[in-house]
Amino acid sequence: MKFPFLSHRRILRCIFATLSGSAVAFIFQACYGTPRDLVRDLQITGTVLSASTGQPLGGITVEAKGISSATTTEADGSYTLYVPLMDEYRMDFHESTSGENMRFKELDTTITRTDNRSMVLNIKLHPAE
């Protein structure tokens, strides 16, 4: 009689341990994300400033056209964008708002990759007229 009880108890412990481990893995991934494959990616970093005042611009959308990769600048104007390795990138810098509320002109530029791992691209946006 004791033998089936011990066997049943071991099975329950095994199930509990598996579920606990799965929960920990799920929470870790939810908090920290999955690791990126940085070997095949280029990291583009930089700062977006106002051309007239030199002040950093937060909330500017930085987009790599044709790749579906975009980010938004932080309050200090800084951004980081990961894109697949290519020779050229068409980059677009614009405000999230459109129409009469735009403070700065959109900037569309093409850049050429100079390094396999990272690139710094600092931009100055001109005020909208």
C-alpha atoms as a PDB file:
ATOM      1  CA  MET A   1       0.000   0.000   0.000  1.00  0.00           C
ATOM      2  CA  LYS A   2       2.842   2.439   0.752  1.00  0.00           C
ATOM      3  CA  PHE A   3       4.565   1.759  -2.541  1.00  0.00           C
ATOM      4  CA  PRO A   4       1.805   3.190  -4.807  1.00  0.00           C
ATOM      5  CA  PHE A   5       1.557   6.232  -2.549  1.00  0.00           C
ATOM      6  CA  LEU A   6       5.307   6.921  -2.838  1.00  0.00           C
ATOM      7  CA  SER A   7       5.171   6.454  -6.586  1.00  0.00           C
ATOM      8  CA  HIS A   8       2.219   8.822  -6.860  1.00  0.00           C
ATOM      9  CA  ARG A   9       4.043  11.361  -4.678  1.00  0.00           C
ATOM     10  CA  ARG A  10       7.161  11.209  -6.890  1.00  0.00           C
ATOM     11  CA  ILE A  11       5.066  11.770  -9.993  1.00  0.00           C
ATOM     12  CA  LEU A  12       3.442  14.815  -8.411  1.00  0.00           C
ATOM     13  CA  ARG A  13       6.856  16.194  -7.399  1.00  0.00           C
ATOM     14  CA  CYS A  14       8.121  15.697 -10.938  1.00  0.00           C
ATOM     15  CA  ILE A  15       5.103  17.487 -12.406  1.00  0.00           C
ATOM     16  CA  PHE A  16       5.452  20.328  -9.890  1.00  0.00           C
ATOM     17  CA  ALA A  17       9.178  20.726 -10.637  1.00  0.00           C
ATOM     18  CA  THR A  18       8.538  20.792 -14.391  1.00  0.00           C
ATOM     19  CA  LEU A  19       5.783  23.384 -14.074  1.00  0.00           C
ATOM     20  CA  SER A  20       7.914  25.512 -11.746  1.00  0.00           C
ATOM     21  CA  GLY A  21      10.844  25.432 -14.157  1.00  0.00           C
ATOM     22  CA  SER A  22       8.587  26.343 -17.062  1.00  0.00           C
ATOM     23  CA  ALA A  23       7.126  29.250 -15.105  1.00  0.00           C
ATOM     24  CA  VAL A  24      10.599  30.587 -14.285  1.00  0.00           C
ATOM     25  CA  ALA A  25      11.654  30.334 -17.950  1.00  0.00           C
ATOM     26  CA  PHE A  26       8.470  32.092 -19.092  1.00  0.00           C
ATOM     27  CA  ILE A  27       8.913  34.936 -16.589  1.00  0.00           C
ATOM     28  CA  PHE A  28      12.588  35.365 -17.550  1.00  0.00           C
ATOM     29  CA  GLN A  29      11.696  35.601 -21.246  1.00  0.00           C
ATOM     30  CA  ALA A  30       8.833  38.010 -20.534  1.00  0.00           C
ATOM     31  CA  CYS A  31      11.110  40.317 -18.530  1.00  0.00           C
ATOM     32  CA  TYR A  32      14.317  40.147 -20.541  1.00  0.00           C
ATOM     33  CA  GLY A  33      13.223  38.922 -23.979  1.00  0.00           C
ATOM     34  CA  THR A  34      14.939  36.414 -26.161  1.00  0.00           C
ATOM     35  CA  PRO A  35      18.595  36.943 -27.036  1.00  0.00           C
ATOM     36  CA  ARG A  36      19.134  38.601 -30.427  1.00  0.00           C
ATOM     37  CA  ASP A  37      21.349  37.063 -33.049  1.00  0.00           C
ATOM     38  CA  LEU A  38      23.763  39.995 -33.098  1.00  0.00           C
ATOM     39  CA  VAL A  39      26.200  38.245 -35.429  1.00  0.00           C
ATOM     40  CA  ARG A  40      23.981  38.940 -38.444  1.00  0.00           C
ATOM     41  CA  ASP A  41      22.695  42.334 -37.297  1.00  0.00           C
ATOM     42  CA  LEU A  42      24.033  45.855 -37.523  1.00  0.00           C
ATOM     43  CA  GLN A  43      23.507  48.136 -34.549  1.00  0.00           C
ATOM     44  CA  ILE A  44      22.787  51.730 -35.561  1.00  0.00           C
ATOM     45  CA  THR A  45      22.978  54.225 -32.699  1.00  0.00           C
ATOM     46  CA  GLY A  46      22.917  57.977 -32.614  1.00  0.00           C
ATOM     47  CA  THR A  47      21.317  61.162 -31.416  1.00  0.00           C
ATOM     48  CA  VAL A  48      18.680  63.345 -33.050  1.00  0.00           C
ATOM     49  CA  LEU A  49      19.074  67.076 -32.380  1.00  0.00           C
ATOM     50  CA  SER A  50      17.292  70.254 -33.432  1.00  0.00           C
ATOM     51  CA  ALA A  51      19.324  72.004 -36.158  1.00  0.00           C
ATOM     52  CA  SER A  52      18.277  75.437 -34.882  1.00  0.00           C
ATOM     53  CA  THR A  53      18.797  75.029 -31.122  1.00  0.00           C
ATOM     54  CA  GLY A  54      21.017  71.963 -30.792  1.00  0.00           C
ATOM     55  CA  GLN A  55      18.609  70.530 -28.210  1.00  0.00           C
ATOM     56  CA  PRO A  56      17.943  66.753 -28.206  1.00  0.00           C
ATOM     57  CA  LEU A  57      14.640  65.646 -29.711  1.00  0.00           C
ATOM     58  CA  GLY A  58      12.671  62.919 -27.978  1.00  0.00           C
ATOM     59  CA  GLY A  59       9.785  61.090 -29.615  1.00  0.00           C
ATOM     60  CA  ILE A  60      11.238  61.116 -33.137  1.00  0.00           C
ATOM     61  CA  THR A  61      10.591  57.934 -35.129  1.00  0.00           C
ATOM     62  CA  VAL A  62      13.728  56.395 -36.661  1.00  0.00           C
ATOM     63  CA  GLU A  63      12.869  53.920 -39.397  1.00  0.00           C
ATOM     64  CA  ALA A  64      14.898  51.728 -41.752  1.00  0.00           C
ATOM     65  CA  LYS A  65      12.756  51.732 -44.905  1.00  0.00           C
ATOM     66  CA  GLY A  66      12.108  48.402 -46.599  1.00  0.00           C
ATOM     67  CA  ILE A  67      13.198  46.408 -43.544  1.00  0.00           C
ATOM     68  CA  SER A  68      10.263  47.053 -41.194  1.00  0.00           C
ATOM     69  CA  SER A  69      12.595  48.071 -38.399  1.00  0.00           C
ATOM     70  CA  ALA A  70      11.858  51.217 -36.387  1.00  0.00           C
ATOM     71  CA  THR A  71      12.343  52.790 -32.983  1.00  0.00           C
ATOM     72  CA  THR A  72      11.639  56.071 -31.195  1.00  0.00           C
ATOM     73  CA  THR A  73      14.225  58.419 -29.719  1.00  0.00           C
ATOM     74  CA  GLU A  74      14.475  58.769 -25.946  1.00  0.00           C
ATOM     75  CA  ALA A  75      14.056  62.121 -24.155  1.00  0.00           C
ATOM     76  CA  ASP A  76      17.791  62.765 -24.585  1.00  0.00           C
ATOM     77  CA  GLY A  77      17.478  62.233 -28.374  1.00  0.00           C
ATOM     78  CA  SER A  78      19.332  58.915 -28.353  1.00  0.00           C
ATOM     79  CA  TYR A  79      18.220  55.822 -30.241  1.00  0.00           C
ATOM     80  CA  THR A  80      19.381  52.281 -30.989  1.00  0.00           C
ATOM     81  CA  LEU A  81      18.145  50.295 -33.976  1.00  0.00           C
ATOM     82  CA  TYR A  82      19.039  46.752 -35.059  1.00  0.00           C
ATOM     83  CA  VAL A  83      18.868  45.954 -38.779  1.00  0.00           C
ATOM     84  CA  PRO A  84      20.006  42.958 -40.867  1.00  0.00           C
ATOM     85  CA  LEU A  85      23.401  43.308 -42.543  1.00  0.00           C
ATOM     86  CA  MET A  86      23.157  45.049 -45.921  1.00  0.00           C
ATOM     87  CA  ASP A  87      25.388  47.433 -47.874  1.00  0.00           C
ATOM     88  CA  GLU A  88      22.970  50.382 -47.866  1.00  0.00           C
ATOM     89  CA  TYR A  89      20.093  51.536 -45.695  1.00  0.00           C
ATOM     90  CA  ARG A  90      17.391  54.079 -46.434  1.00  0.00           C
ATOM     91  CA  MET A  91      16.736  55.826 -43.136  1.00  0.00           C
ATOM     92  CA  ASP A  92      13.752  58.029 -42.325  1.00  0.00           C
ATOM     93  CA  PHE A  93      13.539  60.413 -39.353  1.00  0.00           C
ATOM     94  CA  HIS A  94      10.127  61.933 -38.630  1.00  0.00           C
ATOM     95  CA  GLU A  95       7.823  63.020 -35.841  1.00  0.00           C
ATOM     96  CA  SER A  96       5.100  60.678 -34.690  1.00  0.00           C
ATOM     97  CA  THR A  97       2.511  63.413 -35.220  1.00  0.00           C
ATOM     98  CA  SER A  98       1.564  64.713 -38.642  1.00  0.00           C
ATOM     99  CA  GLY A  99      -0.121  67.726 -40.197  1.00  0.00           C
ATOM    100  CA  GLU A 100      -0.111  71.137 -38.532  1.00  0.00           C
ATOM    101  CA  ASN A 101       1.416  69.832 -35.294  1.00  0.00           C
ATOM    102  CA  MET A 102       4.737  68.936 -36.919  1.00  0.00           C
ATOM    103  CA  ARG A 103       7.621  70.926 -35.471  1.00  0.00           C
ATOM    104  CA  PHE A 104      10.388  69.489 -37.673  1.00  0.00           C
ATOM    105  CA  LYS A 105      10.849  68.508 -41.304  1.00  0.00           C
ATOM    106  CA  GLU A 106      11.081  64.822 -42.135  1.00  0.00           C
ATOM    107  CA  LEU A 107      14.556  63.651 -43.143  1.00  0.00           C
ATOM    108  CA  ASP A 108      15.026  60.762 -45.569  1.00  0.00           C
ATOM    109  CA  THR A 109      18.625  59.714 -46.195  1.00  0.00           C
ATOM    110  CA  THR A 110      20.611  56.765 -47.512  1.00  0.00           C
ATOM    111  CA  ILE A 111      23.618  55.520 -45.568  1.00  0.00           C
ATOM    112  CA  THR A 112      26.329  53.027 -46.498  1.00  0.00           C
ATOM    113  CA  ARG A 113      27.543  50.456 -43.989  1.00  0.00           C
ATOM    114  CA  THR A 114      31.164  51.036 -42.957  1.00  0.00           C
ATOM    115  CA  ASP A 115      31.537  48.420 -40.228  1.00  0.00           C
ATOM    116  CA  ASN A 116      30.163  44.918 -39.765  1.00  0.00           C
ATOM    117  CA  ARG A 117      28.829  45.397 -36.243  1.00  0.00           C
ATOM    118  CA  SER A 118      27.874  48.982 -35.432  1.00  0.00           C
ATOM    119  CA  MET A 119      27.382  52.430 -36.861  1.00  0.00           C
ATOM    120  CA  VAL A 120      26.821  55.874 -35.328  1.00  0.00           C
ATOM    121  CA  LEU A 121      24.399  58.170 -37.148  1.00  0.00           C
ATOM    122  CA  ASN A 122      23.787  61.576 -35.548  1.00  0.00           C
ATOM    123  CA  ILE A 123      21.061  63.664 -37.203  1.00  0.00           C
ATOM    124  CA  LYS A 124      19.939  67.306 -37.032  1.00  0.00           C
ATOM    125  CA  LEU A 125      16.336  68.010 -37.988  1.00  0.00           C
ATOM    126  CA  HIS A 126      15.338  71.434 -39.331  1.00  0.00           C
ATOM    127  CA  PRO A 127      12.213  73.215 -38.085  1.00  0.00           C
ATOM    128  CA  ALA A 128       9.071  72.883 -40.202  1.00  0.00           C
ATOM    129  CA  GLU A 129       7.997  76.001 -42.058  1.00  0.00           C
END
